[in-house]
């Protein structure tokens, strides 16, 4: 009775990495961890800030870039400042392609998710991800291949981020694998094809 059609995302326009970083006031040496999403409790950005405090003890060049807004925006900024976490809160942005171009790593710290489109967008930009093992996140991020899927706690999240931030070869390999996979399985061409196949079945066409 049910047919599942996964979402599809467009391939982003090509953006120059250094130009994207300069626009954010970042240098080539910075290790940029990008979070994109609503600033609500279910997203657990508080967990991410706790994890980043541990990450920055081991990767001093790391910085958290938070894109999005919500009722917890002010509270989370205060939390990051109190924890001494180097972080930039950018609010809502429409130029996500530039933000992914500037990132070394995307992160999802949620307690619950459906199909996380931000992870699809990151993968389409060739950015590996560290995500908590919630909802369909593990259908997007293949642990050890296109990123890392970790337990829902700050220590596990920090461990995954430290590993990838310290290993440029793994970041590059996982980012390339993520992009190859998402183009095939979550691109807009596949989305359209799945809908066409479904409609043909419903009307009895071969």
N, C-alpha and C. Protein backbone atom coordinates (compact mmCIF):
# COMPACT_ATOMS: atom_id res chain seq x y z
N UNK A 1 0.82 -1.22 0.00
CA UNK A 1 0.00 0.00 0.00
C UNK A 1 0.85 1.26 0.00
N UNK A 2 2.11 1.12 0.30
CA UNK A 2 2.95 2.31 0.41
C UNK A 2 4.17 2.20 -0.49
N UNK A 3 4.51 3.30 -1.10
CA UNK A 3 5.74 3.42 -1.88
C UNK A 3 6.56 4.56 -1.29
N UNK A 4 7.81 4.29 -1.00
CA UNK A 4 8.68 5.31 -0.43
C UNK A 4 9.50 5.95 -1.54
N UNK A 5 9.38 7.25 -1.65
CA UNK A 5 10.18 8.01 -2.61
C UNK A 5 11.07 8.95 -1.80
N UNK A 6 12.35 8.71 -1.84
CA UNK A 6 13.30 9.53 -1.07
C UNK A 6 13.39 10.92 -1.68
N UNK A 7 13.74 11.92 -0.89
CA UNK A 7 13.87 13.28 -1.43
C UNK A 7 15.03 13.38 -2.41
N UNK A 8 15.03 14.44 -3.17
CA UNK A 8 16.12 14.70 -4.10
C UNK A 8 16.60 16.12 -3.95
N UNK A 9 17.89 16.35 -4.14
CA UNK A 9 18.46 17.69 -4.04
C UNK A 9 19.24 18.00 -5.30
N UNK A 10 19.28 19.28 -5.65
CA UNK A 10 19.99 19.72 -6.84
C UNK A 10 21.49 19.76 -6.58
N UNK A 11 22.25 19.58 -7.64
CA UNK A 11 23.68 19.81 -7.54
C UNK A 11 23.91 21.31 -7.41
N UNK A 12 24.74 21.72 -6.46
CA UNK A 12 24.93 23.16 -6.24
C UNK A 12 25.84 23.77 -7.29
N UNK A 13 25.73 25.06 -7.51
CA UNK A 13 26.70 25.73 -8.39
C UNK A 13 28.09 25.66 -7.76
N UNK A 14 29.10 25.63 -8.60
CA UNK A 14 30.47 25.54 -8.10
C UNK A 14 30.85 26.86 -7.43
N UNK A 15 31.42 26.75 -6.24
CA UNK A 15 31.87 27.92 -5.50
C UNK A 15 33.36 27.78 -5.19
N UNK A 16 34.08 28.88 -5.25
CA UNK A 16 35.49 28.88 -4.91
C UNK A 16 35.65 28.81 -3.39
N UNK A 17 36.42 27.83 -2.93
CA UNK A 17 36.56 27.59 -1.49
C UNK A 17 37.13 28.81 -0.75
N UNK A 18 38.21 29.38 -1.27
CA UNK A 18 38.83 30.49 -0.56
C UNK A 18 37.97 31.74 -0.61
N UNK A 19 37.29 31.97 -1.72
CA UNK A 19 36.39 33.12 -1.79
C UNK A 19 35.26 32.97 -0.78
N UNK A 20 34.75 31.74 -0.67
CA UNK A 20 33.68 31.48 0.31
C UNK A 20 34.18 31.70 1.73
N UNK A 21 35.41 31.30 1.99
CA UNK A 21 35.98 31.50 3.33
C UNK A 21 36.25 32.98 3.63
N UNK A 22 36.78 33.66 2.65
CA UNK A 22 37.05 35.09 2.87
C UNK A 22 35.76 35.84 3.18
N UNK A 23 34.68 35.46 2.53
CA UNK A 23 33.40 36.13 2.76
C UNK A 23 32.91 35.93 4.20
N UNK A 24 33.38 34.86 4.84
CA UNK A 24 33.00 34.58 6.23
C UNK A 24 34.08 35.00 7.22
N UNK A 25 35.14 35.59 6.72
CA UNK A 25 36.23 35.99 7.59
C UNK A 25 37.07 34.84 8.09
N UNK A 26 37.12 33.76 7.31
CA UNK A 26 37.86 32.55 7.69
C UNK A 26 39.12 32.41 6.85
N UNK A 27 40.10 31.72 7.40
CA UNK A 27 41.35 31.50 6.68
C UNK A 27 41.43 30.07 6.16
N UNK A 28 42.43 29.81 5.33
CA UNK A 28 42.64 28.46 4.80
C UNK A 28 42.99 27.49 5.91
N UNK A 29 43.63 27.98 6.97
CA UNK A 29 44.05 27.11 8.06
C UNK A 29 42.92 26.72 9.00
N UNK A 30 41.82 27.44 8.96
CA UNK A 30 40.70 27.10 9.84
C UNK A 30 40.10 25.75 9.46
N UNK A 31 39.69 24.99 10.46
CA UNK A 31 38.97 23.74 10.24
C UNK A 31 37.51 24.01 10.57
N UNK A 32 36.68 24.09 9.53
CA UNK A 32 35.34 24.63 9.66
C UNK A 32 34.30 23.51 9.81
N UNK A 33 33.62 23.52 10.95
CA UNK A 33 32.53 22.58 11.22
C UNK A 33 31.23 23.35 11.00
N UNK A 34 30.39 22.87 10.10
CA UNK A 34 29.18 23.60 9.72
C UNK A 34 27.93 22.88 10.21
N UNK A 35 27.08 23.62 10.91
CA UNK A 35 25.75 23.15 11.29
C UNK A 35 24.72 24.02 10.58
N UNK A 36 23.77 23.38 9.90
CA UNK A 36 22.67 24.09 9.25
C UNK A 36 21.36 23.52 9.77
N UNK A 37 20.53 24.37 10.37
CA UNK A 37 19.26 23.87 10.87
C UNK A 37 18.59 24.84 11.82
N UNK A 38 17.40 24.46 12.25
CA UNK A 38 16.66 25.27 13.21
C UNK A 38 17.32 25.20 14.59
N UNK A 39 17.30 26.29 15.30
CA UNK A 39 17.89 26.31 16.64
C UNK A 39 16.79 26.03 17.66
N UNK A 40 16.42 24.74 17.71
CA UNK A 40 15.40 24.24 18.63
C UNK A 40 15.99 23.08 19.41
N UNK A 41 15.29 22.68 20.48
CA UNK A 41 15.85 21.66 21.36
C UNK A 41 16.08 20.33 20.65
N UNK A 42 15.20 19.97 19.73
CA UNK A 42 15.33 18.66 19.09
C UNK A 42 16.63 18.54 18.31
N UNK A 43 17.18 19.68 17.88
CA UNK A 43 18.43 19.67 17.11
C UNK A 43 19.66 19.54 18.00
N UNK A 44 19.51 19.77 19.28
CA UNK A 44 20.55 19.59 20.28
C UNK A 44 21.86 20.30 19.93
N UNK A 45 21.75 21.57 19.58
CA UNK A 45 22.95 22.35 19.33
C UNK A 45 23.72 22.55 20.63
N UNK A 46 23.03 22.44 21.77
CA UNK A 46 23.75 22.48 23.05
C UNK A 46 24.74 21.32 23.15
N UNK A 47 24.33 20.15 22.66
CA UNK A 47 25.24 18.99 22.63
C UNK A 47 26.43 19.26 21.70
N UNK A 48 26.14 19.90 20.58
CA UNK A 48 27.20 20.22 19.63
C UNK A 48 28.20 21.20 20.24
N UNK A 49 27.71 22.19 20.96
CA UNK A 49 28.61 23.16 21.60
C UNK A 49 29.47 22.46 22.65
N UNK A 50 28.87 21.56 23.42
CA UNK A 50 29.65 20.79 24.40
C UNK A 50 30.72 19.97 23.68
N UNK A 51 30.35 19.35 22.57
CA UNK A 51 31.32 18.56 21.81
C UNK A 51 32.42 19.43 21.24
N UNK A 52 32.07 20.63 20.74
CA UNK A 52 33.07 21.51 20.16
C UNK A 52 34.07 22.00 21.18
N UNK A 53 33.64 22.15 22.43
CA UNK A 53 34.59 22.54 23.47
C UNK A 53 35.69 21.49 23.59
N UNK A 54 35.31 20.21 23.50
CA UNK A 54 36.30 19.13 23.55
C UNK A 54 37.12 19.08 22.27
N UNK A 55 36.48 19.32 21.14
CA UNK A 55 37.18 19.30 19.85
C UNK A 55 38.26 20.38 19.82
N UNK A 56 37.94 21.56 20.29
CA UNK A 56 38.87 22.67 20.17
C UNK A 56 40.07 22.54 21.10
N UNK A 57 39.98 21.66 22.09
CA UNK A 57 41.16 21.36 22.90
C UNK A 57 42.18 20.55 22.10
N UNK A 58 41.70 19.78 21.11
CA UNK A 58 42.57 18.91 20.32
C UNK A 58 42.84 19.46 18.92
N UNK A 59 41.92 20.23 18.40
CA UNK A 59 42.06 20.83 17.07
C UNK A 59 41.86 22.33 17.26
N UNK A 60 42.93 23.02 17.59
CA UNK A 60 42.81 24.42 18.00
C UNK A 60 42.39 25.33 16.87
N UNK A 61 42.57 24.89 15.63
CA UNK A 61 42.17 25.71 14.49
C UNK A 61 40.70 25.53 14.11
N UNK A 62 39.98 24.71 14.86
CA UNK A 62 38.59 24.42 14.50
C UNK A 62 37.66 25.56 14.92
N UNK A 63 36.62 25.74 14.13
CA UNK A 63 35.60 26.74 14.40
C UNK A 63 34.24 26.18 14.02
N UNK A 64 33.25 26.48 14.84
CA UNK A 64 31.88 26.05 14.57
C UNK A 64 31.13 27.20 13.90
N UNK A 65 30.55 26.91 12.75
CA UNK A 65 29.71 27.89 12.05
C UNK A 65 28.27 27.39 12.10
N UNK A 66 27.41 28.17 12.71
CA UNK A 66 26.01 27.78 12.91
C UNK A 66 25.14 28.63 12.00
N UNK A 67 24.39 27.96 11.14
CA UNK A 67 23.50 28.63 10.19
C UNK A 67 22.07 28.24 10.50
N UNK A 68 21.24 29.22 10.74
CA UNK A 68 19.85 28.96 11.09
C UNK A 68 19.44 29.84 12.25
N UNK A 69 18.16 29.79 12.58
CA UNK A 69 17.64 30.63 13.66
C UNK A 69 16.55 29.86 14.39
N UNK A 70 16.12 30.40 15.49
CA UNK A 70 15.10 29.75 16.29
C UNK A 70 15.05 30.34 17.68
N UNK A 71 14.16 29.79 18.50
CA UNK A 71 13.94 30.38 19.82
C UNK A 71 15.13 30.26 20.75
N UNK A 72 16.08 29.37 20.42
CA UNK A 72 17.24 29.17 21.29
C UNK A 72 18.48 29.93 20.83
N UNK A 73 18.34 30.77 19.83
CA UNK A 73 19.51 31.42 19.25
C UNK A 73 20.34 32.17 20.29
N UNK A 74 19.71 33.06 21.05
CA UNK A 74 20.43 33.83 22.05
C UNK A 74 21.04 32.97 23.13
N UNK A 75 20.26 31.99 23.60
CA UNK A 75 20.75 31.10 24.65
C UNK A 75 21.96 30.30 24.19
N UNK A 76 21.93 29.82 22.96
CA UNK A 76 23.05 29.03 22.44
C UNK A 76 24.29 29.87 22.24
N UNK A 77 24.11 31.10 21.81
CA UNK A 77 25.27 31.98 21.66
C UNK A 77 25.91 32.26 23.02
N UNK A 78 25.10 32.46 24.02
CA UNK A 78 25.63 32.66 25.38
C UNK A 78 26.34 31.40 25.86
N UNK A 79 25.77 30.25 25.57
CA UNK A 79 26.37 28.98 25.98
C UNK A 79 27.75 28.80 25.34
N UNK A 80 27.84 29.10 24.05
CA UNK A 80 29.12 28.96 23.36
C UNK A 80 30.16 29.92 23.94
N UNK A 81 29.74 31.16 24.20
CA UNK A 81 30.66 32.14 24.76
C UNK A 81 31.13 31.72 26.15
N UNK A 82 30.21 31.22 26.97
CA UNK A 82 30.55 30.79 28.32
C UNK A 82 31.52 29.60 28.30
N UNK A 83 31.35 28.71 27.31
CA UNK A 83 32.21 27.53 27.20
C UNK A 83 33.54 27.84 26.53
N UNK A 84 33.69 29.07 26.05
CA UNK A 84 34.92 29.44 25.35
C UNK A 84 35.05 28.82 23.98
N UNK A 85 33.92 28.48 23.38
CA UNK A 85 33.92 27.84 22.06
C UNK A 85 34.00 28.90 20.97
N UNK A 86 34.93 28.73 20.08
CA UNK A 86 35.04 29.62 18.93
C UNK A 86 33.92 29.29 17.96
N UNK A 87 32.98 30.20 17.81
CA UNK A 87 31.80 29.91 17.00
C UNK A 87 31.28 31.18 16.36
N UNK A 88 30.69 31.00 15.18
CA UNK A 88 30.01 32.09 14.48
C UNK A 88 28.57 31.67 14.26
N UNK A 89 27.63 32.52 14.68
CA UNK A 89 26.21 32.29 14.47
C UNK A 89 25.75 33.25 13.37
N UNK A 90 25.39 32.70 12.22
CA UNK A 90 25.12 33.51 11.04
C UNK A 90 23.64 33.79 10.81
N UNK A 91 22.75 33.15 11.59
CA UNK A 91 21.33 33.30 11.33
C UNK A 91 20.92 32.59 10.05
N UNK A 92 19.74 32.96 9.54
CA UNK A 92 19.28 32.34 8.30
C UNK A 92 20.09 32.87 7.12
N UNK A 93 20.48 31.98 6.24
CA UNK A 93 21.23 32.36 5.04
C UNK A 93 20.64 31.63 3.84
N UNK A 94 20.63 32.30 2.70
CA UNK A 94 20.13 31.68 1.47
C UNK A 94 21.25 31.12 0.62
N UNK A 95 22.50 31.52 0.91
CA UNK A 95 23.64 31.12 0.07
C UNK A 95 24.31 29.87 0.64
N UNK A 96 23.53 28.80 0.80
CA UNK A 96 24.08 27.59 1.42
C UNK A 96 25.20 26.97 0.59
N UNK A 97 25.17 27.13 -0.72
CA UNK A 97 26.24 26.57 -1.55
C UNK A 97 27.58 27.15 -1.15
N UNK A 98 27.65 28.43 -0.87
CA UNK A 98 28.89 29.07 -0.44
C UNK A 98 29.32 28.57 0.93
N UNK A 99 28.34 28.34 1.80
CA UNK A 99 28.65 27.88 3.15
C UNK A 99 29.23 26.46 3.12
N UNK A 100 28.63 25.59 2.33
CA UNK A 100 29.18 24.23 2.21
C UNK A 100 30.56 24.26 1.55
N UNK A 101 30.76 25.18 0.61
CA UNK A 101 32.06 25.29 -0.05
C UNK A 101 33.15 25.67 0.95
N UNK A 102 32.79 26.42 1.97
CA UNK A 102 33.76 26.87 2.96
C UNK A 102 34.02 25.82 4.04
N UNK A 103 33.19 24.78 4.11
CA UNK A 103 33.23 23.84 5.23
C UNK A 103 34.19 22.68 4.99
N UNK A 104 34.77 22.21 6.08
CA UNK A 104 35.53 20.96 6.05
C UNK A 104 34.65 19.79 6.43
N UNK A 105 33.61 20.07 7.21
CA UNK A 105 32.82 19.01 7.83
C UNK A 105 31.44 19.55 8.14
N UNK A 106 30.41 18.76 7.85
CA UNK A 106 29.05 19.09 8.28
C UNK A 106 28.71 18.23 9.49
N UNK A 107 27.84 18.75 10.34
CA UNK A 107 27.51 18.01 11.55
C UNK A 107 26.03 18.11 11.85
N UNK A 108 25.48 17.00 12.36
CA UNK A 108 24.09 16.94 12.82
C UNK A 108 24.10 16.33 14.21
N UNK A 109 23.51 17.02 15.17
CA UNK A 109 23.60 16.60 16.57
C UNK A 109 22.24 16.27 17.18
N UNK A 110 21.24 16.02 16.34
CA UNK A 110 19.85 15.90 16.77
C UNK A 110 19.55 14.69 17.65
N UNK A 111 18.45 14.81 18.38
CA UNK A 111 17.87 13.68 19.09
C UNK A 111 16.88 12.92 18.21
N UNK A 112 16.38 13.58 17.19
CA UNK A 112 15.39 12.94 16.31
C UNK A 112 15.43 13.65 14.95
N UNK A 113 15.24 12.88 13.89
CA UNK A 113 15.23 13.43 12.53
C UNK A 113 14.32 12.57 11.66
N UNK A 114 13.88 13.14 10.56
CA UNK A 114 13.27 12.35 9.51
C UNK A 114 14.37 11.99 8.52
N UNK A 115 14.25 12.52 7.32
CA UNK A 115 15.31 12.42 6.33
C UNK A 115 16.03 13.77 6.29
N UNK A 116 17.23 13.87 6.87
CA UNK A 116 17.89 15.17 7.03
C UNK A 116 18.43 15.73 5.72
N UNK A 117 17.73 16.70 5.17
CA UNK A 117 18.09 17.26 3.88
C UNK A 117 19.44 17.98 3.95
N UNK A 118 19.76 18.55 5.10
CA UNK A 118 21.05 19.26 5.20
C UNK A 118 22.22 18.31 4.97
N UNK A 119 22.08 17.06 5.39
CA UNK A 119 23.15 16.09 5.13
C UNK A 119 23.22 15.74 3.65
N UNK A 120 22.09 15.72 2.97
CA UNK A 120 22.08 15.50 1.53
C UNK A 120 22.77 16.66 0.82
N UNK A 121 22.47 17.88 1.26
CA UNK A 121 23.08 19.05 0.63
C UNK A 121 24.59 19.07 0.86
N UNK A 122 25.01 18.71 2.07
CA UNK A 122 26.44 18.65 2.36
C UNK A 122 27.13 17.63 1.46
N UNK A 123 26.53 16.45 1.35
CA UNK A 123 27.11 15.40 0.51
C UNK A 123 27.18 15.84 -0.94
N UNK A 124 26.13 16.51 -1.42
CA UNK A 124 26.11 16.98 -2.81
C UNK A 124 27.24 17.98 -3.06
N UNK A 125 27.68 18.66 -2.00
CA UNK A 125 28.79 19.60 -2.11
C UNK A 125 30.13 18.94 -1.83
N UNK A 126 30.13 17.62 -1.62
CA UNK A 126 31.37 16.91 -1.37
C UNK A 126 31.92 17.10 0.03
N UNK A 127 31.04 17.39 0.98
CA UNK A 127 31.44 17.61 2.37
C UNK A 127 31.04 16.39 3.20
N UNK A 128 31.99 15.72 3.85
CA UNK A 128 31.64 14.59 4.72
C UNK A 128 30.92 15.08 5.97
N UNK A 129 30.23 14.18 6.65
CA UNK A 129 29.43 14.59 7.80
C UNK A 129 29.68 13.68 8.99
N UNK A 130 29.48 14.25 10.16
CA UNK A 130 29.37 13.48 11.41
C UNK A 130 27.95 13.70 11.91
N UNK A 131 27.23 12.62 12.15
CA UNK A 131 25.84 12.74 12.56
C UNK A 131 25.51 11.76 13.67
N UNK A 132 24.59 12.17 14.53
CA UNK A 132 24.05 11.23 15.51
C UNK A 132 23.19 10.20 14.77
N UNK A 133 23.09 9.03 15.36
CA UNK A 133 22.39 7.91 14.73
C UNK A 133 20.90 8.00 15.02
N UNK A 134 20.23 8.88 14.31
CA UNK A 134 18.80 9.13 14.53
C UNK A 134 18.07 9.14 13.20
N UNK A 135 16.79 8.76 13.24
CA UNK A 135 15.96 8.81 12.04
C UNK A 135 16.62 8.12 10.87
N UNK A 136 16.59 8.79 9.73
CA UNK A 136 17.18 8.24 8.51
C UNK A 136 18.58 8.78 8.24
N UNK A 137 19.23 9.33 9.26
CA UNK A 137 20.58 9.88 9.04
C UNK A 137 21.54 8.82 8.52
N UNK A 138 21.42 7.59 9.03
CA UNK A 138 22.33 6.54 8.59
C UNK A 138 22.02 6.03 7.19
N UNK A 139 20.88 6.45 6.61
CA UNK A 139 20.61 6.16 5.20
C UNK A 139 21.32 7.17 4.29
N UNK A 140 21.63 8.31 4.85
CA UNK A 140 22.32 9.35 4.09
C UNK A 140 23.83 9.22 4.27
N UNK A 141 24.26 9.11 5.52
CA UNK A 141 25.69 9.00 5.84
C UNK A 141 26.02 7.54 6.10
N UNK A 142 26.89 6.97 5.30
CA UNK A 142 27.33 5.59 5.49
C UNK A 142 28.58 5.63 6.37
N UNK A 143 28.44 5.07 7.56
CA UNK A 143 29.51 5.17 8.56
C UNK A 143 30.83 4.60 8.03
N UNK A 144 31.86 5.42 8.11
CA UNK A 144 33.19 5.00 7.67
C UNK A 144 33.42 5.13 6.18
N UNK A 145 32.36 5.44 5.42
CA UNK A 145 32.50 5.58 3.96
C UNK A 145 32.25 7.01 3.48
N UNK A 146 31.16 7.60 3.94
CA UNK A 146 30.84 8.97 3.51
C UNK A 146 30.81 9.93 4.69
N UNK A 147 31.18 9.44 5.84
CA UNK A 147 31.17 10.25 7.06
C UNK A 147 31.17 9.32 8.25
N UNK A 148 30.69 9.82 9.38
CA UNK A 148 30.66 9.02 10.60
C UNK A 148 29.30 9.15 11.27
N UNK A 149 28.76 8.01 11.68
CA UNK A 149 27.49 7.95 12.41
C UNK A 149 27.81 7.55 13.84
N UNK A 150 27.43 8.40 14.80
CA UNK A 150 27.87 8.21 16.18
C UNK A 150 26.68 8.17 17.13
N UNK A 151 26.95 7.78 18.35
CA UNK A 151 25.93 7.75 19.40
C UNK A 151 25.50 9.17 19.78
N UNK A 152 24.34 9.25 20.41
CA UNK A 152 23.76 10.55 20.75
C UNK A 152 24.33 11.11 22.05
N UNK A 153 25.62 11.39 22.06
CA UNK A 153 26.23 12.06 23.20
C UNK A 153 27.39 12.91 22.71
N UNK A 154 27.77 13.88 23.53
CA UNK A 154 28.78 14.84 23.12
C UNK A 154 30.14 14.20 22.90
N UNK A 155 30.49 13.21 23.73
CA UNK A 155 31.79 12.57 23.59
C UNK A 155 31.94 11.86 22.25
N UNK A 156 30.89 11.13 21.84
CA UNK A 156 30.94 10.43 20.56
C UNK A 156 30.98 11.40 19.39
N UNK A 157 30.20 12.46 19.52
CA UNK A 157 30.18 13.49 18.48
C UNK A 157 31.56 14.13 18.35
N UNK A 158 32.16 14.46 19.47
CA UNK A 158 33.49 15.06 19.45
C UNK A 158 34.53 14.11 18.86
N UNK A 159 34.45 12.84 19.22
CA UNK A 159 35.40 11.86 18.69
C UNK A 159 35.35 11.77 17.19
N UNK A 160 34.15 11.75 16.63
CA UNK A 160 34.02 11.70 15.17
C UNK A 160 34.57 12.95 14.51
N UNK A 161 34.29 14.09 15.10
CA UNK A 161 34.78 15.34 14.51
C UNK A 161 36.29 15.45 14.58
N UNK A 162 36.87 15.09 15.72
CA UNK A 162 38.33 15.16 15.86
C UNK A 162 39.00 14.25 14.84
N UNK A 163 38.46 13.06 14.68
CA UNK A 163 39.05 12.11 13.73
C UNK A 163 39.11 12.71 12.33
N UNK A 164 38.00 13.25 11.86
CA UNK A 164 37.97 13.75 10.49
C UNK A 164 38.70 15.08 10.35
N UNK A 165 38.62 15.93 11.35
CA UNK A 165 39.33 17.20 11.26
C UNK A 165 40.84 17.02 11.22
N UNK A 166 41.31 15.95 11.84
CA UNK A 166 42.76 15.68 11.87
C UNK A 166 43.24 14.84 10.71
N UNK A 167 42.34 14.38 9.86
CA UNK A 167 42.72 13.46 8.78
C UNK A 167 42.19 13.99 7.45
N UNK A 168 43.00 14.81 6.79
CA UNK A 168 42.59 15.42 5.53
C UNK A 168 42.33 14.38 4.45
N UNK A 169 43.10 13.29 4.47
CA UNK A 169 42.91 12.25 3.46
C UNK A 169 41.55 11.59 3.60
N UNK A 170 41.15 11.27 4.82
CA UNK A 170 39.83 10.67 5.06
C UNK A 170 38.72 11.65 4.72
N UNK A 171 38.90 12.91 5.07
CA UNK A 171 37.88 13.91 4.73
C UNK A 171 37.67 13.97 3.23
N UNK A 172 38.76 14.01 2.49
CA UNK A 172 38.67 14.10 1.03
C UNK A 172 38.03 12.83 0.45
N UNK A 173 38.48 11.67 0.93
CA UNK A 173 37.94 10.40 0.42
C UNK A 173 36.45 10.29 0.74
N UNK A 174 36.06 10.59 1.96
CA UNK A 174 34.65 10.47 2.34
C UNK A 174 33.79 11.51 1.64
N UNK A 175 34.34 12.71 1.45
CA UNK A 175 33.58 13.74 0.75
C UNK A 175 33.32 13.36 -0.69
N UNK A 176 34.32 12.81 -1.36
CA UNK A 176 34.13 12.36 -2.75
C UNK A 176 33.12 11.22 -2.82
N UNK A 177 33.23 10.28 -1.89
CA UNK A 177 32.30 9.14 -1.87
C UNK A 177 30.88 9.62 -1.58
N UNK A 178 30.76 10.59 -0.69
CA UNK A 178 29.44 11.13 -0.35
C UNK A 178 28.78 11.75 -1.58
N UNK A 179 29.56 12.50 -2.32
CA UNK A 179 28.99 13.17 -3.50
C UNK A 179 28.59 12.14 -4.57
N UNK A 180 29.44 11.17 -4.83
CA UNK A 180 29.12 10.15 -5.82
C UNK A 180 27.82 9.43 -5.46
N UNK A 181 27.68 9.10 -4.19
CA UNK A 181 26.50 8.34 -3.75
C UNK A 181 25.24 9.19 -3.81
N UNK A 182 25.32 10.43 -3.34
CA UNK A 182 24.11 11.25 -3.27
C UNK A 182 23.62 11.63 -4.66
N UNK A 183 24.53 11.82 -5.61
CA UNK A 183 24.10 12.12 -6.99
C UNK A 183 23.26 10.97 -7.54
N UNK A 184 23.70 9.74 -7.28
CA UNK A 184 22.98 8.57 -7.79
C UNK A 184 21.68 8.30 -7.05
N UNK A 185 21.70 8.41 -5.72
CA UNK A 185 20.56 7.95 -4.93
C UNK A 185 19.64 9.07 -4.44
N UNK A 186 20.11 10.31 -4.43
CA UNK A 186 19.30 11.39 -3.90
C UNK A 186 19.31 12.63 -4.78
N UNK A 187 19.67 12.47 -6.05
CA UNK A 187 19.64 13.59 -6.98
C UNK A 187 18.23 13.85 -7.49
N UNK A 188 18.02 15.00 -8.10
CA UNK A 188 16.69 15.34 -8.59
C UNK A 188 16.28 14.47 -9.78
N UNK A 189 17.25 14.03 -10.59
CA UNK A 189 16.91 13.14 -11.71
C UNK A 189 16.31 11.85 -11.20
N UNK A 190 16.88 11.29 -10.13
CA UNK A 190 16.33 10.07 -9.55
C UNK A 190 14.96 10.32 -8.95
N UNK A 191 14.78 11.49 -8.33
CA UNK A 191 13.48 11.84 -7.75
C UNK A 191 12.40 11.89 -8.83
N UNK A 192 12.69 12.55 -9.94
CA UNK A 192 11.72 12.63 -11.03
C UNK A 192 11.45 11.24 -11.60
N UNK A 193 12.49 10.45 -11.79
CA UNK A 193 12.34 9.11 -12.34
C UNK A 193 11.45 8.24 -11.45
N UNK A 194 11.64 8.33 -10.14
CA UNK A 194 10.83 7.54 -9.21
C UNK A 194 9.36 7.94 -9.29
N UNK A 195 9.09 9.23 -9.43
CA UNK A 195 7.69 9.68 -9.55
C UNK A 195 7.07 9.21 -10.85
N UNK A 196 7.83 9.30 -11.93
CA UNK A 196 7.31 8.84 -13.22
C UNK A 196 7.00 7.35 -13.17
N UNK A 197 7.92 6.56 -12.59
CA UNK A 197 7.70 5.12 -12.48
C UNK A 197 6.46 4.82 -11.65
N UNK A 198 6.27 5.57 -10.57
CA UNK A 198 5.11 5.35 -9.71
C UNK A 198 3.81 5.66 -10.45
N UNK A 199 3.76 6.79 -11.16
CA UNK A 199 2.54 7.16 -11.88
C UNK A 199 2.23 6.14 -12.98
N UNK A 200 3.27 5.65 -13.65
CA UNK A 200 3.05 4.67 -14.70
C UNK A 200 2.46 3.38 -14.09
N UNK A 201 2.95 2.99 -12.95
CA UNK A 201 2.40 1.79 -12.29
C UNK A 201 0.94 2.00 -11.91
N UNK A 202 0.62 3.20 -11.42
CA UNK A 202 -0.74 3.46 -10.95
C UNK A 202 -1.75 3.45 -12.09
N UNK A 203 -1.31 3.83 -13.29
CA UNK A 203 -2.24 3.84 -14.42
C UNK A 203 -2.10 2.60 -15.29
N UNK A 204 -1.23 1.68 -14.85
CA UNK A 204 -1.13 0.40 -15.53
C UNK A 204 -0.25 0.38 -16.76
N UNK A 205 0.66 1.34 -16.87
CA UNK A 205 1.56 1.36 -18.00
C UNK A 205 2.83 0.56 -17.66
N UNK A 206 3.46 -0.05 -18.65
CA UNK A 206 4.70 -0.82 -18.39
C UNK A 206 5.86 0.10 -18.07
